[in-house]
Amino acid sequence: MKRIAVFCGSSLGFNPVYKQATIDLGNAMVKQNIGLVYGGGKIGMMGAIADTILEKKGEVIGVIPKLLEKEEVVHANVEEMIVCKKMSERKVIMSKLIDGYITLPGGFGTMDELFEALTLNQLFIEQKPVGLLNINGFFDAILTQIDKMVEEGYVNEINKKLLIVGDSVDDLMEKMNQYLPPKITQVINKVVH
């Protein structure tokens, strides 16, 4: 992977363990020579990962909608900042720049981005690894909900495996580097039988 889109909150949250995990991820990306593509903000988790990678002279590309391009939000130190018109356009631009996705703790926007990436893979529009860094069990309830969706027949087991879950940065990065996307025939056979 040459570049990863990282989805995360514009807030740091209340527990410092999340910011530390973000810093750890940024350091791991620099160590593996992986560039960051992210939402372009200087605040919260977004700012923490961008700052970490910029301090180590790594590649950072921001993609921010015009409505959020304000002095107090946009990261002024990111040399490559792509300004787009809409939130939906942001995701398309990011997708074209990257080889994989990682989701860190965040709010509604972060969840929207995660599930869109999974849907793109489910529909074979993309075949990129989609990682979830489940620090401190932050995503446990969502993982339980996905299990319920499988149990009730709304998500098949093969599509559940599109989500790569790691409890640490090293664990997640190793799993993402080993990821092999399912073949469309596997999915069709599973649905038909």
N, C-alpha and C. Protein backbone atom coordinates (compact mmCIF):
# COMPACT_ATOMS: atom_id res chain seq x y z
N MET A 1 0.84 -1.18 0.00
CA MET A 1 0.00 0.00 0.00
C MET A 1 0.88 1.24 0.00
N LYS A 2 0.57 2.15 -0.91
CA LYS A 2 1.33 3.40 -0.98
C LYS A 2 0.65 4.52 -0.22
N ARG A 3 -0.69 4.50 -0.22
CA ARG A 3 -1.46 5.51 0.51
C ARG A 3 -2.68 4.86 1.14
N ILE A 4 -3.02 5.35 2.33
CA ILE A 4 -4.21 4.88 3.05
C ILE A 4 -5.06 6.08 3.41
N ALA A 5 -6.36 5.95 3.19
CA ALA A 5 -7.30 6.96 3.68
C ALA A 5 -7.61 6.60 5.13
N VAL A 6 -7.46 7.57 6.01
CA VAL A 6 -7.79 7.36 7.42
C VAL A 6 -9.02 8.18 7.74
N PHE A 7 -10.06 7.49 8.19
CA PHE A 7 -11.29 8.13 8.63
C PHE A 7 -11.25 8.21 10.15
N CYS A 8 -11.50 9.40 10.69
CA CYS A 8 -11.46 9.57 12.13
C CYS A 8 -12.16 10.85 12.53
N GLY A 9 -12.32 11.04 13.83
CA GLY A 9 -13.08 12.15 14.35
C GLY A 9 -12.39 13.50 14.26
N SER A 10 -13.22 14.53 14.20
CA SER A 10 -12.71 15.90 14.28
C SER A 10 -12.62 16.33 15.74
N SER A 11 -12.85 15.38 16.63
CA SER A 11 -12.69 15.57 18.07
C SER A 11 -11.69 14.54 18.56
N LEU A 12 -11.07 14.79 19.69
CA LEU A 12 -10.15 13.82 20.29
C LEU A 12 -10.88 12.84 21.21
N GLY A 13 -12.15 13.13 21.53
CA GLY A 13 -12.86 12.29 22.48
C GLY A 13 -12.36 12.55 23.89
N PHE A 14 -12.83 11.74 24.83
CA PHE A 14 -12.49 11.96 26.24
C PHE A 14 -11.33 11.12 26.74
N ASN A 15 -11.04 10.00 26.07
CA ASN A 15 -10.02 9.08 26.54
C ASN A 15 -8.74 9.28 25.73
N PRO A 16 -7.61 9.62 26.38
CA PRO A 16 -6.36 9.86 25.66
C PRO A 16 -5.81 8.64 24.92
N VAL A 17 -6.34 7.45 25.18
CA VAL A 17 -5.87 6.24 24.51
C VAL A 17 -6.13 6.32 23.00
N TYR A 18 -7.18 7.04 22.59
CA TYR A 18 -7.51 7.15 21.16
C TYR A 18 -6.51 8.04 20.43
N LYS A 19 -6.13 9.15 21.05
CA LYS A 19 -5.12 10.02 20.43
C LYS A 19 -3.79 9.28 20.31
N GLN A 20 -3.44 8.52 21.34
CA GLN A 20 -2.18 7.78 21.30
C GLN A 20 -2.19 6.75 20.18
N ALA A 21 -3.31 6.07 20.00
CA ALA A 21 -3.42 5.09 18.91
C ALA A 21 -3.28 5.78 17.55
N THR A 22 -3.81 6.98 17.45
CA THR A 22 -3.72 7.75 16.21
C THR A 22 -2.27 8.11 15.92
N ILE A 23 -1.55 8.53 16.94
CA ILE A 23 -0.13 8.85 16.80
C ILE A 23 0.65 7.59 16.42
N ASP A 24 0.33 6.47 17.07
CA ASP A 24 0.99 5.19 16.76
C ASP A 24 0.75 4.79 15.31
N LEU A 25 -0.48 4.98 14.83
CA LEU A 25 -0.78 4.65 13.43
C LEU A 25 0.02 5.55 12.49
N GLY A 26 0.06 6.84 12.78
CA GLY A 26 0.84 7.76 11.95
C GLY A 26 2.30 7.36 11.88
N ASN A 27 2.87 7.00 13.02
CA ASN A 27 4.27 6.56 13.05
C ASN A 27 4.47 5.27 12.25
N ALA A 28 3.54 4.35 12.36
CA ALA A 28 3.64 3.08 11.61
C ALA A 28 3.54 3.34 10.11
N MET A 29 2.68 4.26 9.71
CA MET A 29 2.54 4.57 8.29
C MET A 29 3.83 5.17 7.73
N VAL A 30 4.44 6.08 8.50
CA VAL A 30 5.71 6.67 8.06
C VAL A 30 6.79 5.60 7.96
N LYS A 31 6.85 4.73 8.95
CA LYS A 31 7.85 3.66 8.98
C LYS A 31 7.70 2.74 7.77
N GLN A 32 6.46 2.50 7.33
CA GLN A 32 6.20 1.64 6.18
C GLN A 32 6.12 2.43 4.87
N ASN A 33 6.44 3.72 4.94
CA ASN A 33 6.44 4.59 3.76
C ASN A 33 5.06 4.64 3.09
N ILE A 34 4.03 4.77 3.91
CA ILE A 34 2.65 4.85 3.43
C ILE A 34 2.16 6.28 3.64
N GLY A 35 1.66 6.89 2.58
CA GLY A 35 1.12 8.24 2.66
C GLY A 35 -0.27 8.25 3.25
N LEU A 36 -0.63 9.41 3.81
CA LEU A 36 -1.95 9.61 4.41
C LEU A 36 -2.82 10.44 3.48
N VAL A 37 -4.05 9.99 3.28
CA VAL A 37 -5.10 10.79 2.64
C VAL A 37 -6.19 10.89 3.69
N TYR A 38 -6.60 12.12 4.01
CA TYR A 38 -7.56 12.29 5.11
C TYR A 38 -8.41 13.53 4.86
N GLY A 39 -9.28 13.84 5.79
CA GLY A 39 -10.27 14.90 5.64
C GLY A 39 -9.77 16.33 5.66
N GLY A 40 -8.48 16.55 5.87
CA GLY A 40 -7.91 17.88 5.74
C GLY A 40 -7.96 18.77 6.96
N GLY A 41 -8.47 18.26 8.08
CA GLY A 41 -8.61 19.09 9.27
C GLY A 41 -7.36 19.16 10.13
N LYS A 42 -7.30 20.21 10.95
CA LYS A 42 -6.17 20.35 11.87
C LYS A 42 -6.58 20.04 13.31
N ILE A 43 -7.85 19.71 13.50
CA ILE A 43 -8.37 19.49 14.86
C ILE A 43 -8.67 18.01 15.09
N GLY A 44 -8.76 17.64 16.35
CA GLY A 44 -9.17 16.30 16.73
C GLY A 44 -8.21 15.22 16.28
N MET A 45 -8.78 14.03 16.04
CA MET A 45 -7.99 12.88 15.60
C MET A 45 -7.36 13.16 14.24
N MET A 46 -8.09 13.89 13.38
CA MET A 46 -7.55 14.22 12.06
C MET A 46 -6.26 15.02 12.19
N GLY A 47 -6.28 16.02 13.04
CA GLY A 47 -5.09 16.83 13.24
C GLY A 47 -3.95 16.04 13.85
N ALA A 48 -4.27 15.13 14.76
CA ALA A 48 -3.24 14.33 15.44
C ALA A 48 -2.49 13.44 14.45
N ILE A 49 -3.22 12.78 13.54
CA ILE A 49 -2.52 11.90 12.60
C ILE A 49 -1.75 12.70 11.56
N ALA A 50 -2.33 13.80 11.09
CA ALA A 50 -1.62 14.64 10.11
C ALA A 50 -0.34 15.21 10.72
N ASP A 51 -0.44 15.74 11.94
CA ASP A 51 0.73 16.31 12.61
C ASP A 51 1.83 15.28 12.79
N THR A 52 1.44 14.07 13.19
CA THR A 52 2.42 13.00 13.42
C THR A 52 3.19 12.69 12.14
N ILE A 53 2.47 12.56 11.04
CA ILE A 53 3.12 12.20 9.77
C ILE A 53 3.92 13.38 9.22
N LEU A 54 3.39 14.59 9.36
CA LEU A 54 4.12 15.77 8.88
C LEU A 54 5.43 15.98 9.64
N GLU A 55 5.41 15.73 10.96
CA GLU A 55 6.62 15.88 11.77
C GLU A 55 7.73 14.94 11.31
N LYS A 56 7.36 13.80 10.75
CA LYS A 56 8.33 12.81 10.29
C LYS A 56 8.59 12.94 8.78
N LYS A 57 8.08 14.03 8.19
CA LYS A 57 8.29 14.32 6.76
C LYS A 57 7.61 13.29 5.83
N GLY A 58 6.52 12.69 6.31
CA GLY A 58 5.76 11.77 5.49
C GLY A 58 4.78 12.51 4.59
N GLU A 59 4.17 11.77 3.68
CA GLU A 59 3.23 12.36 2.73
C GLU A 59 1.84 12.49 3.36
N VAL A 60 1.26 13.68 3.23
CA VAL A 60 -0.09 13.95 3.72
C VAL A 60 -0.85 14.70 2.64
N ILE A 61 -2.00 14.15 2.26
CA ILE A 61 -2.90 14.80 1.32
C ILE A 61 -4.24 15.00 2.02
N GLY A 62 -4.70 16.24 2.04
CA GLY A 62 -6.00 16.54 2.62
C GLY A 62 -7.04 16.73 1.53
N VAL A 63 -8.26 16.29 1.82
CA VAL A 63 -9.38 16.49 0.90
C VAL A 63 -10.52 17.07 1.73
N ILE A 64 -10.86 18.33 1.45
CA ILE A 64 -11.83 19.02 2.31
C ILE A 64 -12.89 19.72 1.46
N PRO A 65 -14.16 19.58 1.85
CA PRO A 65 -15.22 20.30 1.14
C PRO A 65 -15.13 21.80 1.42
N LYS A 66 -15.51 22.58 0.44
CA LYS A 66 -15.45 24.04 0.53
C LYS A 66 -16.12 24.55 1.81
N LEU A 67 -17.24 23.95 2.20
CA LEU A 67 -17.98 24.43 3.38
C LEU A 67 -17.19 24.27 4.67
N LEU A 68 -16.18 23.40 4.69
CA LEU A 68 -15.35 23.22 5.89
C LEU A 68 -14.00 23.92 5.79
N GLU A 69 -13.74 24.55 4.65
CA GLU A 69 -12.45 25.21 4.43
C GLU A 69 -12.41 26.55 5.15
N LYS A 70 -12.31 26.47 6.47
CA LYS A 70 -12.25 27.66 7.31
C LYS A 70 -10.92 27.68 8.03
N GLU A 71 -10.49 28.84 8.41
CA GLU A 71 -9.20 28.98 9.10
C GLU A 71 -9.09 28.06 10.32
N GLU A 72 -10.16 27.92 11.09
CA GLU A 72 -10.07 27.15 12.33
C GLU A 72 -10.17 25.64 12.10
N VAL A 73 -10.46 25.21 10.89
CA VAL A 73 -10.62 23.79 10.61
C VAL A 73 -9.52 23.23 9.72
N VAL A 74 -9.24 23.88 8.59
CA VAL A 74 -8.30 23.35 7.61
C VAL A 74 -6.86 23.37 8.13
N HIS A 75 -6.12 22.32 7.82
CA HIS A 75 -4.73 22.18 8.29
C HIS A 75 -3.82 22.97 7.34
N ALA A 76 -3.28 24.09 7.80
CA ALA A 76 -2.48 24.99 6.96
C ALA A 76 -1.12 24.40 6.58
N ASN A 77 -0.63 23.42 7.34
CA ASN A 77 0.70 22.86 7.06
C ASN A 77 0.70 21.72 6.04
N VAL A 78 -0.49 21.30 5.61
CA VAL A 78 -0.58 20.25 4.61
C VAL A 78 -0.38 20.90 3.24
N GLU A 79 0.68 20.49 2.57
CA GLU A 79 1.02 21.12 1.28
C GLU A 79 0.02 20.79 0.18
N GLU A 80 -0.46 19.55 0.15
CA GLU A 80 -1.42 19.17 -0.89
C GLU A 80 -2.82 19.09 -0.28
N MET A 81 -3.58 20.16 -0.45
CA MET A 81 -4.94 20.22 0.06
C MET A 81 -5.88 20.35 -1.13
N ILE A 82 -6.73 19.35 -1.32
CA ILE A 82 -7.70 19.35 -2.41
C ILE A 82 -9.02 19.85 -1.86
N VAL A 83 -9.53 20.91 -2.44
CA VAL A 83 -10.81 21.48 -2.01
C VAL A 83 -11.87 21.04 -3.03
N CYS A 84 -12.93 20.45 -2.53
CA CYS A 84 -14.00 19.97 -3.41
C CYS A 84 -15.32 20.64 -3.02
N LYS A 85 -16.35 20.41 -3.79
CA LYS A 85 -17.63 21.07 -3.56
C LYS A 85 -18.46 20.40 -2.48
N LYS A 86 -18.55 19.07 -2.50
CA LYS A 86 -19.48 18.35 -1.63
C LYS A 86 -18.79 17.27 -0.83
N MET A 87 -19.43 16.85 0.27
CA MET A 87 -18.91 15.75 1.08
C MET A 87 -18.82 14.46 0.25
N SER A 88 -19.83 14.23 -0.59
CA SER A 88 -19.83 13.01 -1.41
C SER A 88 -18.68 13.03 -2.40
N GLU A 89 -18.35 14.18 -2.93
CA GLU A 89 -17.22 14.30 -3.86
C GLU A 89 -15.90 14.01 -3.15
N ARG A 90 -15.82 14.39 -1.89
CA ARG A 90 -14.61 14.14 -1.09
C ARG A 90 -14.28 12.65 -1.07
N LYS A 91 -15.29 11.81 -0.84
CA LYS A 91 -15.06 10.37 -0.75
C LYS A 91 -14.60 9.79 -2.09
N VAL A 92 -15.13 10.29 -3.19
CA VAL A 92 -14.73 9.82 -4.52
C VAL A 92 -13.27 10.18 -4.77
N ILE A 93 -12.90 11.40 -4.47
CA ILE A 93 -11.51 11.85 -4.67
C ILE A 93 -10.56 11.01 -3.82
N MET A 94 -10.91 10.83 -2.55
CA MET A 94 -10.06 10.04 -1.66
C MET A 94 -9.88 8.62 -2.20
N SER A 95 -10.96 8.03 -2.65
CA SER A 95 -10.93 6.66 -3.16
C SER A 95 -9.95 6.50 -4.32
N LYS A 96 -9.88 7.51 -5.16
CA LYS A 96 -8.99 7.44 -6.33
C LYS A 96 -7.51 7.57 -5.96
N LEU A 97 -7.23 8.08 -4.78
CA LEU A 97 -5.85 8.35 -4.36
C LEU A 97 -5.23 7.23 -3.53
N ILE A 98 -6.02 6.27 -3.09
CA ILE A 98 -5.54 5.36 -2.04
C ILE A 98 -5.59 3.88 -2.43
N ASP A 99 -4.92 3.09 -1.58
CA ASP A 99 -4.88 1.63 -1.75
C ASP A 99 -5.60 0.89 -0.63
N GLY A 100 -6.07 1.61 0.39
CA GLY A 100 -6.76 0.99 1.51
C GLY A 100 -7.34 2.05 2.43
N TYR A 101 -8.16 1.58 3.37
CA TYR A 101 -8.85 2.46 4.32
C TYR A 101 -8.59 1.98 5.74
N ILE A 102 -8.46 2.92 6.66
CA ILE A 102 -8.45 2.59 8.09
C ILE A 102 -9.39 3.54 8.79
N THR A 103 -10.22 2.98 9.67
CA THR A 103 -11.14 3.79 10.46
C THR A 103 -10.71 3.76 11.92
N LEU A 104 -10.62 4.96 12.49
CA LEU A 104 -10.32 5.17 13.90
C LEU A 104 -11.60 5.68 14.57
N PRO A 105 -11.60 5.81 15.89
CA PRO A 105 -12.79 6.36 16.54
C PRO A 105 -13.21 7.71 15.97
N GLY A 106 -14.50 7.89 15.91
CA GLY A 106 -15.08 9.12 15.39
C GLY A 106 -16.59 9.08 15.54
N GLY A 107 -17.27 10.00 14.88
CA GLY A 107 -18.71 10.11 14.99
C GLY A 107 -19.44 9.67 13.74
N PHE A 108 -20.57 10.33 13.46
CA PHE A 108 -21.42 9.93 12.33
C PHE A 108 -20.69 9.97 11.00
N GLY A 109 -19.91 11.03 10.75
CA GLY A 109 -19.19 11.13 9.48
C GLY A 109 -18.21 9.99 9.30
N THR A 110 -17.53 9.62 10.37
CA THR A 110 -16.57 8.53 10.33
C THR A 110 -17.27 7.21 10.00
N MET A 111 -18.44 6.99 10.63
CA MET A 111 -19.19 5.76 10.36
C MET A 111 -19.70 5.73 8.92
N ASP A 112 -20.13 6.89 8.42
CA ASP A 112 -20.58 7.00 7.04
C ASP A 112 -19.47 6.59 6.08
N GLU A 113 -18.27 7.09 6.33
CA GLU A 113 -17.13 6.79 5.46
C GLU A 113 -16.76 5.31 5.53
N LEU A 114 -16.77 4.74 6.74
CA LEU A 114 -16.47 3.31 6.90
C LEU A 114 -17.43 2.46 6.09
N PHE A 115 -18.73 2.70 6.27
CA PHE A 115 -19.71 1.83 5.62
C PHE A 115 -19.78 2.06 4.12
N GLU A 116 -19.46 3.25 3.66
CA GLU A 116 -19.38 3.45 2.21
C GLU A 116 -18.22 2.65 1.63
N ALA A 117 -17.07 2.65 2.30
CA ALA A 117 -15.92 1.87 1.82
C ALA A 117 -16.26 0.38 1.78
N LEU A 118 -16.94 -0.11 2.81
CA LEU A 118 -17.35 -1.52 2.82
C LEU A 118 -18.32 -1.82 1.69
N THR A 119 -19.26 -0.91 1.46
CA THR A 119 -20.25 -1.11 0.40
C THR A 119 -19.58 -1.14 -0.98
N LEU A 120 -18.61 -0.26 -1.20
CA LEU A 120 -17.89 -0.26 -2.48
C LEU A 120 -17.21 -1.60 -2.72
N ASN A 121 -16.66 -2.19 -1.67
CA ASN A 121 -16.03 -3.50 -1.78
C ASN A 121 -17.07 -4.60 -1.97
N GLN A 122 -18.16 -4.51 -1.25
CA GLN A 122 -19.23 -5.51 -1.35
C GLN A 122 -19.77 -5.57 -2.78
N LEU A 123 -19.86 -4.42 -3.43
CA LEU A 123 -20.40 -4.35 -4.79
C LEU A 123 -19.33 -4.54 -5.87
N PHE A 124 -18.10 -4.83 -5.45
CA PHE A 124 -16.97 -5.03 -6.35
C PHE A 124 -16.65 -3.79 -7.19
N ILE A 125 -17.00 -2.63 -6.67
CA ILE A 125 -16.59 -1.37 -7.28
C ILE A 125 -15.12 -1.13 -6.94
N GLU A 126 -14.74 -1.56 -5.75
CA GLU A 126 -13.35 -1.50 -5.30
C GLU A 126 -12.97 -2.86 -4.71
N GLN A 127 -11.69 -3.07 -4.56
CA GLN A 127 -11.17 -4.28 -3.92
C GLN A 127 -10.01 -3.88 -3.01
N LYS A 128 -10.27 -2.96 -2.11
CA LYS A 128 -9.23 -2.41 -1.23
C LYS A 128 -9.48 -2.86 0.20
N PRO A 129 -8.42 -3.10 0.96
CA PRO A 129 -8.62 -3.47 2.36
C PRO A 129 -9.26 -2.34 3.16
N VAL A 130 -10.21 -2.72 4.01
CA VAL A 130 -10.92 -1.77 4.87
C VAL A 130 -10.65 -2.19 6.31
N GLY A 131 -9.83 -1.40 7.00
CA GLY A 131 -9.43 -1.74 8.36
C GLY A 131 -10.17 -0.93 9.41
N LEU A 132 -10.34 -1.56 10.56
CA LEU A 132 -10.98 -0.93 11.71
C LEU A 132 -10.05 -1.10 12.89
N LEU A 133 -9.55 0.00 13.44
CA LEU A 133 -8.67 -0.06 14.60
C LEU A 133 -9.53 0.02 15.86
N ASN A 134 -9.76 -1.14 16.45
CA ASN A 134 -10.71 -1.27 17.57
C ASN A 134 -10.01 -1.05 18.92
N ILE A 135 -9.47 0.13 19.08
CA ILE A 135 -8.77 0.48 20.32
C ILE A 135 -9.77 0.60 21.46
N ASN A 136 -9.42 -0.01 22.59
CA ASN A 136 -10.23 0.11 23.80
C ASN A 136 -11.66 -0.40 23.59
N GLY A 137 -11.85 -1.29 22.61
CA GLY A 137 -13.18 -1.83 22.35
C GLY A 137 -14.17 -0.80 21.81
N PHE A 138 -13.64 0.29 21.24
CA PHE A 138 -14.51 1.38 20.77
C PHE A 138 -15.59 0.90 19.81
N PHE A 139 -15.24 -0.05 18.93
CA PHE A 139 -16.18 -0.51 17.90
C PHE A 139 -16.88 -1.82 18.25
N ASP A 140 -16.78 -2.29 19.49
CA ASP A 140 -17.38 -3.57 19.86
C ASP A 140 -18.88 -3.63 19.55
N ALA A 141 -19.61 -2.57 19.85
CA ALA A 141 -21.06 -2.57 19.61
C ALA A 141 -21.38 -2.65 18.11
N ILE A 142 -20.58 -1.98 17.30
CA ILE A 142 -20.79 -2.04 15.84
C ILE A 142 -20.48 -3.44 15.33
N LEU A 143 -19.44 -4.07 15.85
CA LEU A 143 -19.11 -5.43 15.44
C LEU A 143 -20.21 -6.40 15.85
N THR A 144 -20.80 -6.18 17.02
CA THR A 144 -21.95 -6.99 17.45
C THR A 144 -23.13 -6.78 16.51
N GLN A 145 -23.37 -5.54 16.10
CA GLN A 145 -24.46 -5.25 15.16
C GLN A 145 -24.22 -5.94 13.81
N ILE A 146 -22.98 -5.94 13.34
CA ILE A 146 -22.67 -6.62 12.08
C ILE A 146 -22.94 -8.12 12.22
N ASP A 147 -22.57 -8.71 13.37
CA ASP A 147 -22.88 -10.13 13.61
C ASP A 147 -24.39 -10.37 13.55
N LYS A 148 -25.16 -9.46 14.11
CA LYS A 148 -26.63 -9.57 14.09
C LYS A 148 -27.14 -9.48 12.64
N MET A 149 -26.54 -8.62 11.83
CA MET A 149 -26.93 -8.49 10.43
C MET A 149 -26.66 -9.78 9.67
N VAL A 150 -25.56 -10.45 9.99
CA VAL A 150 -25.25 -11.75 9.39
C VAL A 150 -26.27 -12.79 9.86
N GLU A 151 -26.49 -12.82 11.16
CA GLU A 151 -27.43 -13.79 11.76
C GLU A 151 -28.83 -13.66 11.17
N GLU A 152 -29.25 -12.44 10.88
CA GLU A 152 -30.61 -12.21 10.37
C GLU A 152 -30.68 -12.22 8.84
N GLY A 153 -29.56 -12.47 8.17
CA GLY A 153 -29.58 -12.64 6.73
C GLY A 153 -29.47 -11.37 5.90
N TYR A 154 -28.97 -10.29 6.50
CA TYR A 154 -28.82 -9.03 5.76
C TYR A 154 -27.41 -8.81 5.23
N VAL A 155 -26.45 -9.49 5.83
CA VAL A 155 -25.06 -9.44 5.37
C VAL A 155 -24.58 -10.89 5.32
N ASN A 156 -23.94 -11.29 4.21
CA ASN A 156 -23.45 -12.67 4.20
C ASN A 156 -22.05 -12.72 4.82
N GLU A 157 -21.68 -13.90 5.23
CA GLU A 157 -20.43 -14.12 5.96
C GLU A 157 -19.21 -13.66 5.16
N ILE A 158 -19.22 -13.85 3.85
CA ILE A 158 -18.09 -13.42 3.02
C ILE A 158 -17.94 -11.90 3.06
N ASN A 159 -19.06 -11.19 3.00
CA ASN A 159 -18.99 -9.72 3.05
C ASN A 159 -18.60 -9.22 4.43
N LYS A 160 -18.94 -9.95 5.47
CA LYS A 160 -18.49 -9.58 6.81
C LYS A 160 -16.96 -9.58 6.87
N LYS A 161 -16.35 -10.50 6.13
CA LYS A 161 -14.89 -10.62 6.13
C LYS A 161 -14.20 -9.49 5.38
N LEU A 162 -14.98 -8.63 4.71
CA LEU A 162 -14.40 -7.46 4.05
C LEU A 162 -13.85 -6.47 5.08
N LEU A 163 -14.35 -6.54 6.31
CA LEU A 163 -13.90 -5.65 7.38
C LEU A 163 -12.77 -6.32 8.14
N ILE A 164 -11.61 -5.69 8.12
CA ILE A 164 -10.42 -6.20 8.79
C ILE A 164 -10.32 -5.49 10.14
N VAL A 165 -10.37 -6.26 11.21
CA VAL A 165 -10.38 -5.67 12.56
C VAL A 165 -9.08 -5.99 13.27
N GLY A 166 -8.49 -4.95 13.84
CA GLY A 166 -7.28 -5.12 14.65
C GLY A 166 -7.42 -4.35 15.95
N ASP A 167 -6.88 -4.93 17.02
CA ASP A 167 -6.94 -4.29 18.33
C ASP A 167 -5.72 -3.44 18.62
N SER A 168 -4.72 -3.53 17.74
CA SER A 168 -3.53 -2.69 17.87
C SER A 168 -3.10 -2.28 16.46
N VAL A 169 -2.26 -1.27 16.38
CA VAL A 169 -1.77 -0.79 15.08
C VAL A 169 -1.01 -1.90 14.37
N ASP A 170 -0.10 -2.56 15.07
CA ASP A 170 0.70 -3.62 14.44
C ASP A 170 -0.18 -4.75 13.93
N ASP A 171 -1.15 -5.16 14.73
CA ASP A 171 -2.07 -6.23 14.36
C ASP A 171 -2.85 -5.85 13.10
N LEU A 172 -3.39 -4.65 13.08
CA LEU A 172 -4.19 -4.21 11.94
C LEU A 172 -3.35 -4.07 10.68
N MET A 173 -2.19 -3.46 10.78
CA MET A 173 -1.33 -3.27 9.60
C MET A 173 -0.89 -4.62 9.02
N GLU A 174 -0.58 -5.58 9.87
CA GLU A 174 -0.20 -6.91 9.38
C GLU A 174 -1.36 -7.56 8.63
N LYS A 175 -2.56 -7.49 9.20
CA LYS A 175 -3.73 -8.07 8.55
C LYS A 175 -4.04 -7.38 7.23
N MET A 176 -3.89 -6.06 7.18
CA MET A 176 -4.18 -5.33 5.95
C MET A 176 -3.17 -5.68 4.86
N ASN A 177 -1.92 -5.84 5.24
CA ASN A 177 -0.88 -6.20 4.27
C ASN A 177 -1.07 -7.61 3.72
N GLN A 178 -1.76 -8.48 4.47
CA GLN A 178 -2.00 -9.86 4.03
C GLN A 178 -3.37 -10.03 3.36
N TYR A 179 -4.16 -8.98 3.29
CA TYR A 179 -5.53 -9.08 2.80
C TYR A 179 -5.61 -9.51 1.34
N LEU A 180 -6.47 -10.49 1.09
CA LEU A 180 -6.81 -10.92 -0.27
C LEU A 180 -8.31 -10.76 -0.43
N PRO A 181 -8.75 -9.92 -1.37
CA PRO A 181 -10.19 -9.71 -1.53
C PRO A 181 -10.88 -10.97 -2.05
N PRO A 182 -12.16 -11.16 -1.69
CA PRO A 182 -12.88 -12.33 -2.21
C PRO A 182 -13.11 -12.17 -3.72
N LYS A 183 -13.20 -13.30 -4.37
CA LYS A 183 -13.52 -13.29 -5.80
C LYS A 183 -15.04 -13.24 -5.95
N ILE A 184 -15.51 -12.62 -6.99
CA ILE A 184 -16.95 -12.48 -7.19
C ILE A 184 -17.64 -13.85 -7.25
N THR A 185 -16.94 -14.86 -7.75
CA THR A 185 -17.54 -16.19 -7.82
C THR A 185 -17.80 -16.76 -6.42
N GLN A 186 -16.92 -16.44 -5.45
CA GLN A 186 -17.14 -16.89 -4.08
C GLN A 186 -18.43 -16.31 -3.52
N VAL A 187 -18.65 -15.04 -3.78
CA VAL A 187 -19.83 -14.37 -3.26
C VAL A 187 -21.08 -14.91 -3.94
N ILE A 188 -21.04 -15.07 -5.25
CA ILE A 188 -22.20 -15.57 -6.00
C ILE A 188 -22.54 -16.99 -5.53
N ASN A 189 -21.52 -17.84 -5.40
CA ASN A 189 -21.76 -19.21 -4.94
C ASN A 189 -22.37 -19.24 -3.55
N LYS A 190 -21.91 -18.36 -2.68
CA LYS A 190 -22.43 -18.31 -1.30
C LYS A 190 -23.90 -17.87 -1.29
N VAL A 191 -24.24 -16.90 -2.13
CA VAL A 191 -25.60 -16.37 -2.19
C VAL A 191 -26.54 -17.40 -2.82
N VAL A 192 -26.09 -18.09 -3.88
CA VAL A 192 -26.93 -19.03 -4.61
C VAL A 192 -27.19 -20.29 -3.78
N HIS A 193 -26.18 -20.77 -3.07
CA HIS A 193 -26.33 -22.04 -2.34
C HIS A 193 -26.85 -21.88 -0.96
